[in-house]
Structure formats: structure tokens, C-alpha cells
Amino acid sequence: MLQGKAGQISDGFHLSEFVLADKSSFILSPDKFGNYTPLLLAIRRNLDRLHP
């Protein structure tokens, strides 16, 4: 299972934190990943397939 939190932490800066089933987590943000939007869309698409 994957849980996520997303939000705007300041004007113009967004991030998404994902918490995995084993309670480990990772942060996805546009300043670290130039392909932030496609990554986020791919994660959402795959989650939708797992949990329709």
C-alpha cells in the first residue's frame, strides 16, 4: 500500500511525500526531478490500476 501527501509548502514550491507499506517514505519534488509531473501522473495511473 502507498499513501501520499501533497501540498504547497510555499509560493511556487510543491512536493509529494509517499509512504510505503513498510513505513519508509520518499519525497518527490520538482526541484529534484525535472520530470516531476510525468512521474506523478505515472504513479497515480498505476495506483488507480491497483485500487480502482
Protein backbone atom coordinates (compact mmCIF):
# COMPACT_ATOMS: atom_id res chain seq x y z
CA MET A 1 0.00 0.00 0.00
CA LEU A 2 1.14 3.51 -0.75
CA GLN A 3 -0.12 6.63 0.92
CA GLY A 4 0.66 10.10 -0.25
CA LYS A 5 0.52 13.65 0.94
CA ALA A 6 0.92 16.56 -1.37
CA GLY A 7 0.91 20.24 -0.84
CA GLN A 8 2.32 23.60 -1.47
CA ILE A 9 4.84 24.50 1.23
CA SER A 10 5.49 27.99 -0.10
CA ASP A 11 4.52 30.06 -3.12
CA GLY A 12 5.51 28.09 -6.17
CA PHE A 13 7.08 25.11 -4.37
CA HIS A 14 5.22 21.80 -4.38
CA LEU A 15 6.17 18.39 -3.09
CA SER A 16 4.61 14.99 -2.66
CA GLU A 17 5.54 12.60 0.14
CA PHE A 18 4.85 8.92 -0.41
CA VAL A 19 4.70 6.47 2.48
CA LEU A 20 5.11 2.82 1.54
CA ALA A 21 3.61 -0.22 3.28
CA ASP A 22 6.85 -0.79 5.21
CA LYS A 23 6.55 2.80 6.55
CA SER A 24 9.54 4.02 4.55
CA SER A 25 8.90 7.20 2.61
CA PHE A 26 10.25 9.34 -0.17
CA ILE A 27 9.67 12.88 -1.30
CA LEU A 28 9.02 13.76 -4.91
CA SER A 29 9.50 17.41 -5.77
CA PRO A 30 10.04 19.38 -8.98
CA ASP A 31 13.35 20.79 -7.74
CA LYS A 32 14.80 17.25 -7.53
CA PHE A 33 13.07 15.73 -10.57
CA GLY A 34 12.82 17.59 -13.86
CA ASN A 35 10.13 15.13 -14.91
CA TYR A 36 8.07 15.63 -11.72
CA THR A 37 4.69 15.91 -13.46
CA PRO A 38 5.07 12.78 -15.65
CA LEU A 39 6.35 10.82 -12.62
CA LEU A 40 3.39 11.90 -10.50
CA LEU A 41 0.94 11.03 -13.29
CA ALA A 42 2.53 7.59 -13.76
CA ILE A 43 2.31 6.87 -10.02
CA ARG A 44 -1.35 7.91 -9.94
CA ARG A 45 -2.15 5.81 -13.03
CA ASN A 46 -0.56 2.73 -11.50
CA LEU A 47 -2.29 3.30 -8.16
CA ASP A 48 -5.63 3.60 -9.96
CA ARG A 49 -4.96 0.19 -11.56
CA LEU A 50 -4.22 -1.36 -8.16
CA HIS A 51 -7.12 0.31 -6.34
CA PRO A 52 -9.91 1.06 -8.86
